[in-house]
C-alpha atoms as a PDB file:
ATOM      1  CA  MET A   1     -24.272  22.563   4.006  1.00  0.00           C
ATOM      2  CA  GLN A   2     -22.450  23.920   6.190  1.00  0.00           C
ATOM      3  CA  GLN A   3     -23.753  26.898   5.770  1.00  0.00           C
ATOM      4  CA  ILE A   4     -27.397  25.217   7.368  1.00  0.00           C
ATOM      5  CA  PRO A   5     -28.200  26.719  10.651  1.00  0.00           C
ATOM      6  CA  LEU A   6     -27.341  23.774  13.598  1.00  0.00           C
ATOM      7  CA  PHE A   7     -25.408  21.189  11.230  1.00  0.00           C
ATOM      8  CA  GLU A   8     -22.694  19.655  12.611  1.00  0.00           C
ATOM      9  CA  PHE A   9     -19.314  18.158  10.807  1.00  0.00           C
ATOM     10  CA  SER A  10     -16.517  16.812  11.604  1.00  0.00           C
ATOM     11  CA  GLN A  11     -13.409  15.430   9.514  1.00  0.00           C
ATOM     12  CA  LYS A  12     -10.835  12.821  11.286  1.00  0.00           C
ATOM     13  CA  HIS A  13      -7.559  11.476   9.351  1.00  0.00           C
ATOM     14  CA  ILE A  14      -7.556   7.792  10.471  1.00  0.00           C
ATOM     15  CA  GLU A  15      -3.967   5.727  10.971  1.00  0.00           C
ATOM     16  CA  HIS A  16      -4.490   3.976   7.711  1.00  0.00           C
ATOM     17  CA  GLY A  17      -3.568   5.161   4.463  1.00  0.00           C
ATOM     18  CA  TYR A  18      -3.736   3.238   0.919  1.00  0.00           C
ATOM     19  CA  LEU A  19      -2.098   2.672  -2.117  1.00  0.00           C
ATOM     20  CA  GLU A  20      -2.915   1.188  -5.083  1.00  0.00           C
ATOM     21  CA  LEU A  21      -0.782  -1.122  -7.331  1.00  0.00           C
ATOM     22  CA  SER A  22      -2.074  -3.450 -10.305  1.00  0.00           C
ATOM     23  CA  ILE A  23      -1.834  -6.670 -11.947  1.00  0.00           C
ATOM     24  CA  PRO A  24      -1.795  -6.630 -15.453  1.00  0.00           C
ATOM     25  CA  PRO A  25      -3.592  -8.221 -18.150  1.00  0.00           C
ATOM     26  CA  GLU A  26      -1.190 -10.860 -19.108  1.00  0.00           C
ATOM     27  CA  ARG A  27      -1.480 -11.882 -15.378  1.00  0.00           C
ATOM     28  CA  GLY A  28      -4.703 -10.899 -14.495  1.00  0.00           C
ATOM     29  CA  GLY A  29      -6.761 -14.164 -16.291  1.00  0.00           C
ATOM     30  CA  LYS A  30      -5.452 -16.197 -12.848  1.00  0.00           C
ATOM     31  CA  MET A  31      -7.860 -14.533 -11.030  1.00  0.00           C
ATOM     32  CA  ILE A  32     -11.519 -15.593 -11.220  1.00  0.00           C
ATOM     33  CA  PRO A  33     -13.305 -12.680 -12.914  1.00  0.00           C
ATOM     34  CA  ASN A  34     -16.025 -10.293 -12.097  1.00  0.00           C
ATOM     35  CA  HIS A  35     -15.429 -10.974  -8.139  1.00  0.00           C
ATOM     36  CA  LEU A  36     -13.689  -8.860  -5.502  1.00  0.00           C
ATOM     37  CA  HIS A  37     -11.159 -10.298  -3.901  1.00  0.00           C
ATOM     38  CA  ILE A  38     -10.033  -9.578  -0.597  1.00  0.00           C
ATOM     39  CA  TRP A  39      -6.596 -10.798   1.435  1.00  0.00           C
ATOM     40  CA  PRO A  40      -7.581 -10.111   4.995  1.00  0.00           C
ATOM     41  CA  ARG A  41      -4.704  -9.606   7.226  1.00  0.00           C
ATOM     42  CA  GLY A  42      -5.762  -8.674  10.926  1.00  0.00           C
ATOM     43  CA  GLU A  43      -4.723  -4.471  11.287  1.00  0.00           C
ATOM     44  CA  PHE A  44      -4.304  -4.415   7.281  1.00  0.00           C
ATOM     45  CA  MET A  45      -5.828  -5.621   4.424  1.00  0.00           C
ATOM     46  CA  MET A  46      -5.299  -6.049   0.521  1.00  0.00           C
ATOM     47  CA  ILE A  47      -8.148  -5.631  -2.209  1.00  0.00           C
ATOM     48  CA  ALA A  48      -8.293  -6.256  -5.874  1.00  0.00           C
ATOM     49  CA  LEU A  49     -11.245  -5.315  -8.361  1.00  0.00           C
ATOM     50  CA  PRO A  50     -11.438  -6.548 -12.008  1.00  0.00           C
ATOM     51  CA  ASN A  51     -10.914  -3.949 -14.785  1.00  0.00           C
ATOM     52  CA  GLN A  52     -12.535  -4.295 -18.050  1.00  0.00           C
ATOM     53  CA  ASP A  53      -9.288  -5.190 -19.541  1.00  0.00           C
ATOM     54  CA  GLN A  54      -8.425  -7.633 -17.541  1.00  0.00           C
ATOM     55  CA  SER A  55      -6.124  -6.281 -15.342  1.00  0.00           C
ATOM     56  CA  TRP A  56      -6.905  -5.655 -11.539  1.00  0.00           C
ATOM     57  CA  THR A  57      -6.523  -2.616  -9.483  1.00  0.00           C
ATOM     58  CA  VAL A  58      -5.081  -3.904  -6.003  1.00  0.00           C
ATOM     59  CA  THR A  59      -5.342  -1.739  -3.134  1.00  0.00           C
ATOM     60  CA  LEU A  60      -3.614  -2.461   0.266  1.00  0.00           C
ATOM     61  CA  PHE A  61      -4.958  -0.313   3.208  1.00  0.00           C
ATOM     62  CA  MET A  62      -2.640  -0.346   6.053  1.00  0.00           C
ATOM     63  CA  PRO A  63      -1.126   1.779   8.740  1.00  0.00           C
ATOM     64  CA  PHE A  64       1.045   4.486   8.031  1.00  0.00           C
ATOM     65  CA  GLU A  65       3.645   2.989  10.470  1.00  0.00           C
ATOM     66  CA  ARG A  66       3.986  -0.481   8.727  1.00  0.00           C
ATOM     67  CA  PHE A  67       3.922   1.725   5.265  1.00  0.00           C
ATOM     68  CA  HIS A  68       6.987   3.771   6.334  1.00  0.00           C
ATOM     69  CA  LYS A  69       9.171   0.306   7.691  1.00  0.00           C
ATOM     70  CA  LEU A  70       8.996  -0.832   4.602  1.00  0.00           C
ATOM     71  CA  ASP A  71      11.328   1.743   2.780  1.00  0.00           C
ATOM     72  CA  ASN A  72      13.485  -0.575   0.767  1.00  0.00           C
ATOM     73  CA  GLU A  73      13.189  -3.373  -1.809  1.00  0.00           C
ATOM     74  CA  GLU A  74      14.497  -6.194   0.281  1.00  0.00           C
ATOM     75  CA  LYS A  75      11.870  -5.043   3.028  1.00  0.00           C
ATOM     76  CA  LEU A  76       8.785  -4.857   0.535  1.00  0.00           C
ATOM     77  CA  LEU A  77       9.657  -8.212  -1.238  1.00  0.00           C
ATOM     78  CA  MET A  78       9.732  -9.883   2.211  1.00  0.00           C
ATOM     79  CA  PHE A  79       6.763  -8.558   3.394  1.00  0.00           C
ATOM     80  CA  PHE A  80       4.606  -9.292   0.460  1.00  0.00           C
ATOM     81  CA  LYS A  81       6.380 -12.814   0.055  1.00  0.00           C
ATOM     82  CA  GLU A  82       5.524 -13.813   3.809  1.00  0.00           C
ATOM     83  CA  THR A  83       2.151 -11.708   3.657  1.00  0.00           C
ATOM     84  CA  PHE A  84       0.452 -12.211   0.517  1.00  0.00           C
ATOM     85  CA  PRO A  85       2.579 -14.830  -1.541  1.00  0.00           C
ATOM     86  CA  ASP A  86      -0.271 -15.430  -4.010  1.00  0.00           C
ATOM     87  CA  SER A  87      -0.027 -12.091  -4.885  1.00  0.00           C
ATOM     88  CA  VAL A  88       3.798 -11.588  -5.609  1.00  0.00           C
ATOM     89  CA  ASN A  89       4.003 -13.495  -9.156  1.00  0.00           C
ATOM     90  CA  LEU A  90       0.479 -11.852 -10.065  1.00  0.00           C
ATOM     91  CA  ILE A  91       1.599  -8.033  -9.849  1.00  0.00           C
ATOM     92  CA  GLY A  92       5.201  -9.038 -10.452  1.00  0.00           C
ATOM     93  CA  GLU A  93       8.328  -8.278  -8.170  1.00  0.00           C
ATOM     94  CA  ASN A  94       9.237  -5.654 -10.421  1.00  0.00           C
ATOM     95  CA  GLU A  95       6.306  -3.818 -11.162  1.00  0.00           C
ATOM     96  CA  LEU A  96       5.475  -4.275  -7.453  1.00  0.00           C
ATOM     97  CA  VAL A  97       8.377  -2.273  -6.507  1.00  0.00           C
ATOM     98  CA  GLU A  98       7.689   0.196  -8.627  1.00  0.00           C
ATOM     99  CA  ASN A  99       4.520   0.598  -8.316  1.00  0.00           C
ATOM    100  CA  PHE A 100       4.682   0.751  -4.307  1.00  0.00           C
ATOM    101  CA  PHE A 101       7.759   3.067  -4.421  1.00  0.00           C
ATOM    102  CA  GLU A 102       6.722   5.889  -7.280  1.00  0.00           C
ATOM    103  CA  SER A 103       3.829   7.172  -5.026  1.00  0.00           C
ATOM    104  CA  LYS A 104       2.704   7.268  -1.406  1.00  0.00           C
ATOM    105  CA  PRO A 105       0.260   6.353   0.750  1.00  0.00           C
ATOM    106  CA  PHE A 106      -3.134   8.320   0.295  1.00  0.00           C
ATOM    107  CA  VAL A 107      -4.826   9.529   3.242  1.00  0.00           C
ATOM    108  CA  LEU A 108      -8.126   8.086   4.987  1.00  0.00           C
ATOM    109  CA  LEU A 109     -10.584  10.164   6.727  1.00  0.00           C
ATOM    110  CA  SER A 110     -13.769   9.646   8.633  1.00  0.00           C
ATOM    111  CA  VAL A 111     -16.578  12.232   7.829  1.00  0.00           C
ATOM    112  CA  LYS A 112     -19.016  12.682  10.174  1.00  0.00           C
ATOM    113  CA  CYS A 113     -22.122  15.385   9.382  1.00  0.00           C
ATOM    114  CA  LYS A 114     -25.315  15.756  11.027  1.00  0.00           C
ATOM    115  CA  PRO A 115     -28.005  15.882   9.528  1.00  0.00           C
ATOM    116  CA  TYR A 116     -26.635  13.834   6.733  1.00  0.00           C
ATOM    117  CA  HIS A 117     -29.424  14.964   4.603  1.00  0.00           C
ATOM    118  CA  PHE A 118     -30.666  18.782   3.417  1.00  0.00           C
ATOM    119  CA  GLU A 119     -34.436  18.643   2.270  1.00  0.00           C
ATOM    120  CA  SER A 120     -35.350  15.348   0.353  1.00  0.00           C
ATOM    121  CA  LYS A 121     -31.497  14.885  -0.330  1.00  0.00           C
ATOM    122  CA  HIS A 122     -30.116  11.874   1.434  1.00  0.00           C
ATOM    123  CA  GLU A 123     -26.546  12.851   1.193  1.00  0.00           C
ATOM    124  CA  CYS A 124     -23.365  14.664   2.800  1.00  0.00           C
ATOM    125  CA  ARG A 125     -21.856  16.934   0.310  1.00  0.00           C
ATOM    126  CA  ILE A 126     -18.369  18.244   1.263  1.00  0.00           C
END
């Protein structure tokens, strides 16, 4: 689409990132199935989506600055126990620490394009 005359495109990194965690099947049954669960907390939030095996994919959205402050196990567990206390037992302390520190937060982008469609296709392909 960038080959189209007068096509406008912008991409901006936002200050929030996301990190995926999980609730294992043996603890996932404690959650109401087939629902999106959301823990809103001001400038950040966590969501959980059910999987077919009764596990849950948990995604923490937060400013990178906050992620960087959680640089050791003690700070991470304190943050979760204060901010998302009900999630700690669902995820499990050991699993939380392992999942959190085994990867880095992913980048989120804001993408704008104009026009957002080409001929009859109403989509922006990047």
